[in-house]
Amino acid sequence: MNSQERGPLSTATASLAVIDQRVDLPGLFAEHYRRVLMAAYRIAGNMADAEDVAQGVFLRLGTAKAPEVANAGSYLYRAAINGALDLLRRRKVAALEPLEKAAGEVSTNAGSSPEAETSSRELGRLLRQAIGELPPRAAEMVALRYLEEMDNREIARVLGTSAAVVAVTLHQSRSRLKKRLIELQRGTL
């Protein structure tokens, strides 16, 4: 696929090189479904939405609408992140479940108060909303860095850019998120 044929990066499409057309969809599903689902869940914030995103990703891969890709695992992962970000943008509302649940962690500290738990959930909801308002590429980088815990070099490799571009974009995104979170918190108080 040449650069003139590429469309913008959106709703779980990534323009990579070429994958053998004899795609083993059941094998790819078995190998990558959990990672795709969890990537979508970390961003979407609830399992129903994450399952919808994951299903859409695999359906696209199994249809004629699927882009040509070099690495199916990377494509599926990026597609899940982009699909979940697009879902947030379409809804313009934050997800209902806290970010901590994405990793299967629930705060069970004896010292944590119900107020602290509520505050943490609210911050997660506002953060998810603010990430959904970032430009698509910046939101993808933020998700990869802070939700998927990739370093800048890994993000650069996955997105086909330089680590310097990733660093600058993340710095700018953190500033935007901080400013937006302050605005959102003032609006909710």
C-alpha atoms as a PDB file:
ATOM      1  CA  MET A   1       0.000   0.000   0.000  1.00  0.00           C
ATOM      2  CA  ASN A   2       1.574   3.319  -0.902  1.00  0.00           C
ATOM      3  CA  SER A   3       1.247   6.516   1.090  1.00  0.00           C
ATOM      4  CA  GLN A   4      -1.208   8.009  -1.393  1.00  0.00           C
ATOM      5  CA  GLU A   5      -3.709   5.227  -0.690  1.00  0.00           C
ATOM      6  CA  ARG A   6      -3.587   5.617   3.090  1.00  0.00           C
ATOM      7  CA  GLY A   7      -6.429   7.251   4.893  1.00  0.00           C
ATOM      8  CA  PRO A   8      -6.240   8.937   8.280  1.00  0.00           C
ATOM      9  CA  LEU A   9      -5.628   6.777  11.322  1.00  0.00           C
ATOM     10  CA  SER A  10      -9.010   6.225  12.937  1.00  0.00           C
ATOM     11  CA  THR A  11     -11.422   3.659  14.288  1.00  0.00           C
ATOM     12  CA  ALA A  12      -9.005   0.831  14.587  1.00  0.00           C
ATOM     13  CA  THR A  13      -7.243   1.107  11.264  1.00  0.00           C
ATOM     14  CA  ALA A  14      -3.511   1.026  10.952  1.00  0.00           C
ATOM     15  CA  SER A  15      -1.733   1.081   7.669  1.00  0.00           C
ATOM     16  CA  LEU A  16       1.161  -1.335   7.975  1.00  0.00           C
ATOM     17  CA  ALA A  17       2.886  -3.433   5.281  1.00  0.00           C
ATOM     18  CA  VAL A  18       1.583  -6.828   4.065  1.00  0.00           C
ATOM     19  CA  ILE A  19       0.212  -9.866   5.888  1.00  0.00           C
ATOM     20  CA  ASP A  20      -0.224 -13.176   4.133  1.00  0.00           C
ATOM     21  CA  GLN A  21      -3.812 -13.274   2.860  1.00  0.00           C
ATOM     22  CA  ARG A  22      -4.213 -16.766   4.313  1.00  0.00           C
ATOM     23  CA  VAL A  23      -4.742 -15.214   7.747  1.00  0.00           C
ATOM     24  CA  ASP A  24      -5.455 -17.768  10.439  1.00  0.00           C
ATOM     25  CA  LEU A  25      -8.174 -15.713  12.116  1.00  0.00           C
ATOM     26  CA  PRO A  26      -9.012 -18.336  14.769  1.00  0.00           C
ATOM     27  CA  GLY A  27      -5.313 -18.611  15.607  1.00  0.00           C
ATOM     28  CA  LEU A  28      -4.900 -14.827  15.789  1.00  0.00           C
ATOM     29  CA  PHE A  29      -8.013 -14.606  17.928  1.00  0.00           C
ATOM     30  CA  ALA A  30      -6.748 -17.261  20.334  1.00  0.00           C
ATOM     31  CA  GLU A  31      -3.319 -15.663  20.544  1.00  0.00           C
ATOM     32  CA  HIS A  32      -4.257 -11.984  20.807  1.00  0.00           C
ATOM     33  CA  TYR A  33      -7.841 -11.674  22.081  1.00  0.00           C
ATOM     34  CA  ARG A  34      -6.986 -11.145  25.758  1.00  0.00           C
ATOM     35  CA  ARG A  35      -4.389  -8.465  25.002  1.00  0.00           C
ATOM     36  CA  VAL A  36      -6.755  -6.703  22.576  1.00  0.00           C
ATOM     37  CA  LEU A  37      -9.607  -6.883  25.078  1.00  0.00           C
ATOM     38  CA  MET A  38      -7.525  -5.544  27.971  1.00  0.00           C
ATOM     39  CA  ALA A  39      -6.073  -2.717  25.864  1.00  0.00           C
ATOM     40  CA  ALA A  40      -9.600  -1.649  24.917  1.00  0.00           C
ATOM     41  CA  TYR A  41     -10.806  -2.082  28.505  1.00  0.00           C
ATOM     42  CA  ARG A  42      -8.079   0.117  29.974  1.00  0.00           C
ATOM     43  CA  ILE A  43      -9.233   2.955  27.756  1.00  0.00           C
ATOM     44  CA  ALA A  44     -12.983   2.363  27.424  1.00  0.00           C
ATOM     45  CA  GLY A  45     -13.374   1.698  31.131  1.00  0.00           C
ATOM     46  CA  ASN A  46     -16.000  -1.013  31.008  1.00  0.00           C
ATOM     47  CA  MET A  47     -15.994  -4.565  29.770  1.00  0.00           C
ATOM     48  CA  ALA A  48     -19.049  -4.331  27.510  1.00  0.00           C
ATOM     49  CA  ASP A  49     -17.494  -1.523  25.476  1.00  0.00           C
ATOM     50  CA  ALA A  50     -14.127  -3.300  25.428  1.00  0.00           C
ATOM     51  CA  GLU A  51     -15.761  -6.470  24.099  1.00  0.00           C
ATOM     52  CA  ASP A  52     -17.504  -4.450  21.373  1.00  0.00           C
ATOM     53  CA  VAL A  53     -14.206  -2.851  20.365  1.00  0.00           C
ATOM     54  CA  ALA A  54     -12.372  -6.193  20.366  1.00  0.00           C
ATOM     55  CA  GLN A  55     -15.109  -7.812  18.310  1.00  0.00           C
ATOM     56  CA  GLY A  56     -14.967  -4.984  15.770  1.00  0.00           C
ATOM     57  CA  VAL A  57     -11.193  -5.271  15.518  1.00  0.00           C
ATOM     58  CA  PHE A  58     -11.304  -8.992  14.761  1.00  0.00           C
ATOM     59  CA  LEU A  59     -14.258  -8.635  12.406  1.00  0.00           C
ATOM     60  CA  ARG A  60     -12.374  -6.029  10.385  1.00  0.00           C
ATOM     61  CA  LEU A  61      -9.360  -8.302  10.211  1.00  0.00           C
ATOM     62  CA  GLY A  62     -11.539 -11.107   8.877  1.00  0.00           C
ATOM     63  CA  THR A  63     -13.287  -9.038   6.201  1.00  0.00           C
ATOM     64  CA  ALA A  64     -12.308  -7.336   3.002  1.00  0.00           C
ATOM     65  CA  LYS A  65     -12.173  -4.064   4.970  1.00  0.00           C
ATOM     66  CA  ALA A  66      -9.017  -5.197   6.739  1.00  0.00           C
ATOM     67  CA  PRO A  67      -5.931  -3.166   5.891  1.00  0.00           C
ATOM     68  CA  GLU A  68      -2.788  -4.912   4.812  1.00  0.00           C
ATOM     69  CA  VAL A  69      -0.487  -5.369   7.805  1.00  0.00           C
ATOM     70  CA  ALA A  70       3.012  -6.691   8.475  1.00  0.00           C
ATOM     71  CA  ASN A  71       2.522  -7.646  12.110  1.00  0.00           C
ATOM     72  CA  ALA A  72      -0.977  -8.788  13.018  1.00  0.00           C
ATOM     73  CA  GLY A  73      -0.295  -8.565  16.770  1.00  0.00           C
ATOM     74  CA  SER A  74       0.807  -4.926  16.584  1.00  0.00           C
ATOM     75  CA  TYR A  75      -2.083  -4.079  14.280  1.00  0.00           C
ATOM     76  CA  LEU A  76      -4.624  -5.668  16.601  1.00  0.00           C
ATOM     77  CA  TYR A  77      -3.194  -3.913  19.647  1.00  0.00           C
ATOM     78  CA  ARG A  78      -3.154  -0.501  17.996  1.00  0.00           C
ATOM     79  CA  ALA A  79      -6.578  -1.102  16.518  1.00  0.00           C
ATOM     80  CA  ALA A  80      -7.975  -1.855  19.980  1.00  0.00           C
ATOM     81  CA  ILE A  81      -6.517   1.329  21.420  1.00  0.00           C
ATOM     82  CA  ASN A  82      -7.756   3.440  18.519  1.00  0.00           C
ATOM     83  CA  GLY A  83     -11.182   1.807  18.599  1.00  0.00           C
ATOM     84  CA  ALA A  84     -11.576   2.491  22.312  1.00  0.00           C
ATOM     85  CA  LEU A  85     -10.401   6.092  21.917  1.00  0.00           C
ATOM     86  CA  ASP A  86     -12.867   6.588  19.066  1.00  0.00           C
ATOM     87  CA  LEU A  87     -15.612   5.143  21.250  1.00  0.00           C
ATOM     88  CA  LEU A  88     -14.813   7.679  23.975  1.00  0.00           C
ATOM     89  CA  ARG A  89     -14.797  10.510  21.470  1.00  0.00           C
ATOM     90  CA  ARG A  90     -18.135   9.465  20.022  1.00  0.00           C
ATOM     91  CA  ARG A  91     -19.733   9.305  23.413  1.00  0.00           C
ATOM     92  CA  LYS A  92     -18.087  12.402  24.858  1.00  0.00           C
ATOM     93  CA  VAL A  93     -18.723  10.914  28.282  1.00  0.00           C
ATOM     94  CA  ALA A  94     -16.354   9.134  30.575  1.00  0.00           C
ATOM     95  CA  ALA A  95     -16.555   5.448  31.317  1.00  0.00           C
ATOM     96  CA  LEU A  96     -18.112   4.207  34.522  1.00  0.00           C
ATOM     97  CA  GLU A  97     -15.446   1.921  35.959  1.00  0.00           C
ATOM     98  CA  PRO A  98     -12.164   3.077  37.511  1.00  0.00           C
ATOM     99  CA  LEU A  99      -8.849   2.651  35.716  1.00  0.00           C
ATOM    100  CA  GLU A 100      -7.511   0.433  38.516  1.00  0.00           C
ATOM    101  CA  LYS A 101      -9.962  -2.345  37.648  1.00  0.00           C
ATOM    102  CA  ALA A 102      -8.350  -2.730  34.210  1.00  0.00           C
ATOM    103  CA  ALA A 103      -5.441  -4.572  35.754  1.00  0.00           C
ATOM    104  CA  GLY A 104      -7.728  -6.548  38.039  1.00  0.00           C
ATOM    105  CA  GLU A 105      -6.757  -4.486  41.041  1.00  0.00           C
ATOM    106  CA  VAL A 106      -9.211  -3.212  43.587  1.00  0.00           C
ATOM    107  CA  SER A 107      -7.978  -1.157  46.460  1.00  0.00           C
ATOM    108  CA  THR A 108      -8.320  -3.277  49.556  1.00  0.00           C
ATOM    109  CA  ASN A 109      -5.982  -1.249  51.738  1.00  0.00           C
ATOM    110  CA  ALA A 110      -7.238  -1.083  55.269  1.00  0.00           C
ATOM    111  CA  GLY A 111      -6.280   2.589  55.310  1.00  0.00           C
ATOM    112  CA  SER A 112      -8.301   3.583  52.251  1.00  0.00           C
ATOM    113  CA  SER A 113     -11.501   5.424  52.988  1.00  0.00           C
ATOM    114  CA  PRO A 114     -14.714   5.402  50.965  1.00  0.00           C
ATOM    115  CA  GLU A 115     -14.078   9.071  50.224  1.00  0.00           C
ATOM    116  CA  ALA A 116     -10.626   8.299  48.832  1.00  0.00           C
ATOM    117  CA  GLU A 117     -12.061   5.469  46.715  1.00  0.00           C
ATOM    118  CA  THR A 118     -14.783   7.749  45.353  1.00  0.00           C
ATOM    119  CA  SER A 119     -12.273  10.494  44.645  1.00  0.00           C
ATOM    120  CA  SER A 120     -10.016   8.027  42.831  1.00  0.00           C
ATOM    121  CA  ARG A 121     -12.906   6.762  40.678  1.00  0.00           C
ATOM    122  CA  GLU A 122     -13.944  10.308  39.838  1.00  0.00           C
ATOM    123  CA  LEU A 123     -10.382  11.249  38.881  1.00  0.00           C
ATOM    124  CA  GLY A 124     -10.186   8.160  36.660  1.00  0.00           C
ATOM    125  CA  ARG A 125     -13.462   9.116  34.975  1.00  0.00           C
ATOM    126  CA  LEU A 126     -12.279  12.678  34.377  1.00  0.00           C
ATOM    127  CA  LEU A 127      -8.888  11.507  33.138  1.00  0.00           C
ATOM    128  CA  ARG A 128     -10.515   9.094  30.709  1.00  0.00           C
ATOM    129  CA  GLN A 129     -12.710  11.921  29.422  1.00  0.00           C
ATOM    130  CA  ALA A 130      -9.714  14.251  29.017  1.00  0.00           C
ATOM    131  CA  ILE A 131      -7.701  11.599  27.167  1.00  0.00           C
ATOM    132  CA  GLY A 132     -10.645  11.139  24.816  1.00  0.00           C
ATOM    133  CA  GLU A 133     -10.464  14.849  23.982  1.00  0.00           C
ATOM    134  CA  LEU A 134      -6.793  14.751  22.940  1.00  0.00           C
ATOM    135  CA  PRO A 135      -5.858  14.559  19.256  1.00  0.00           C
ATOM    136  CA  PRO A 136      -5.919  10.889  18.122  1.00  0.00           C
ATOM    137  CA  ARG A 137      -2.159  10.395  17.854  1.00  0.00           C
ATOM    138  CA  ALA A 138      -1.493  12.077  21.207  1.00  0.00           C
ATOM    139  CA  ALA A 139      -4.237  10.050  22.914  1.00  0.00           C
ATOM    140  CA  GLU A 140      -2.749   6.872  21.486  1.00  0.00           C
ATOM    141  CA  MET A 141       0.700   7.785  22.810  1.00  0.00           C
ATOM    142  CA  VAL A 142      -0.697   8.614  26.262  1.00  0.00           C
ATOM    143  CA  ALA A 143      -2.578   5.312  26.350  1.00  0.00           C
ATOM    144  CA  LEU A 144       0.494   3.346  25.321  1.00  0.00           C
ATOM    145  CA  ARG A 145       2.737   5.133  27.827  1.00  0.00           C
ATOM    146  CA  TYR A 146       0.559   5.364  30.908  1.00  0.00           C
ATOM    147  CA  LEU A 147      -2.014   2.613  30.499  1.00  0.00           C
ATOM    148  CA  GLU A 148       0.100   0.030  28.704  1.00  0.00           C
ATOM    149  CA  GLU A 149       3.330   1.144  30.417  1.00  0.00           C
ATOM    150  CA  MET A 150       5.466   1.149  27.274  1.00  0.00           C
ATOM    151  CA  ASP A 151       8.613   3.246  27.178  1.00  0.00           C
ATOM    152  CA  ASN A 152       9.144   5.957  24.557  1.00  0.00           C
ATOM    153  CA  ARG A 153      11.276   3.741  22.312  1.00  0.00           C
ATOM    154  CA  GLU A 154       8.624   1.019  22.275  1.00  0.00           C
ATOM    155  CA  ILE A 155       5.920   3.556  21.473  1.00  0.00           C
ATOM    156  CA  ALA A 156       8.042   5.017  18.679  1.00  0.00           C
ATOM    157  CA  ARG A 157       8.555   1.563  17.192  1.00  0.00           C
ATOM    158  CA  VAL A 158       4.841   0.677  17.384  1.00  0.00           C
ATOM    159  CA  LEU A 159       3.751   4.012  15.894  1.00  0.00           C
ATOM    160  CA  GLY A 160       6.526   4.307  13.332  1.00  0.00           C
ATOM    161  CA  THR A 161       8.001   7.550  14.622  1.00  0.00           C
ATOM    162  CA  SER A 162      10.989   8.689  16.652  1.00  0.00           C
ATOM    163  CA  ALA A 163      11.399   8.567  20.418  1.00  0.00           C
ATOM    164  CA  ALA A 164      11.943  12.344  20.378  1.00  0.00           C
ATOM    165  CA  VAL A 165       8.544  12.909  18.762  1.00  0.00           C
ATOM    166  CA  VAL A 166       6.981  10.629  21.357  1.00  0.00           C
ATOM    167  CA  ALA A 167       8.684  12.521  24.205  1.00  0.00           C
ATOM    168  CA  VAL A 168       7.551  15.923  22.930  1.00  0.00           C
ATOM    169  CA  THR A 169       4.005  14.726  22.271  1.00  0.00           C
ATOM    170  CA  LEU A 170       3.752  13.162  25.726  1.00  0.00           C
ATOM    171  CA  HIS A 171       5.066  16.339  27.365  1.00  0.00           C
ATOM    172  CA  GLN A 172       2.516  18.470  25.524  1.00  0.00           C
ATOM    173  CA  SER A 173      -0.239  15.956  26.246  1.00  0.00           C
ATOM    174  CA  ARG A 174       0.526  15.922  29.974  1.00  0.00           C
ATOM    175  CA  SER A 175       0.257  19.713  30.010  1.00  0.00           C
ATOM    176  CA  ARG A 176      -3.057  19.599  28.163  1.00  0.00           C
ATOM    177  CA  LEU A 177      -4.380  16.860  30.435  1.00  0.00           C
ATOM    178  CA  LYS A 178      -3.388  18.734  33.577  1.00  0.00           C
ATOM    179  CA  LYS A 179      -5.115  21.892  32.366  1.00  0.00           C
ATOM    180  CA  ARG A 180      -8.216  19.986  31.232  1.00  0.00           C
ATOM    181  CA  LEU A 181      -8.450  18.015  34.484  1.00  0.00           C
ATOM    182  CA  ILE A 182      -8.404  21.255  36.458  1.00  0.00           C
ATOM    183  CA  GLU A 183     -11.210  22.594  34.262  1.00  0.00           C
ATOM    184  CA  LEU A 184     -13.233  19.389  34.613  1.00  0.00           C
ATOM    185  CA  GLN A 185     -12.763  19.259  38.387  1.00  0.00           C
ATOM    186  CA  ARG A 186     -13.906  22.837  38.774  1.00  0.00           C
ATOM    187  CA  GLY A 187     -16.980  22.007  36.695  1.00  0.00           C
ATOM    188  CA  THR A 188     -17.842  19.005  38.852  1.00  0.00           C
ATOM    189  CA  LEU A 189     -17.447  20.676  42.237  1.00  0.00           C
END
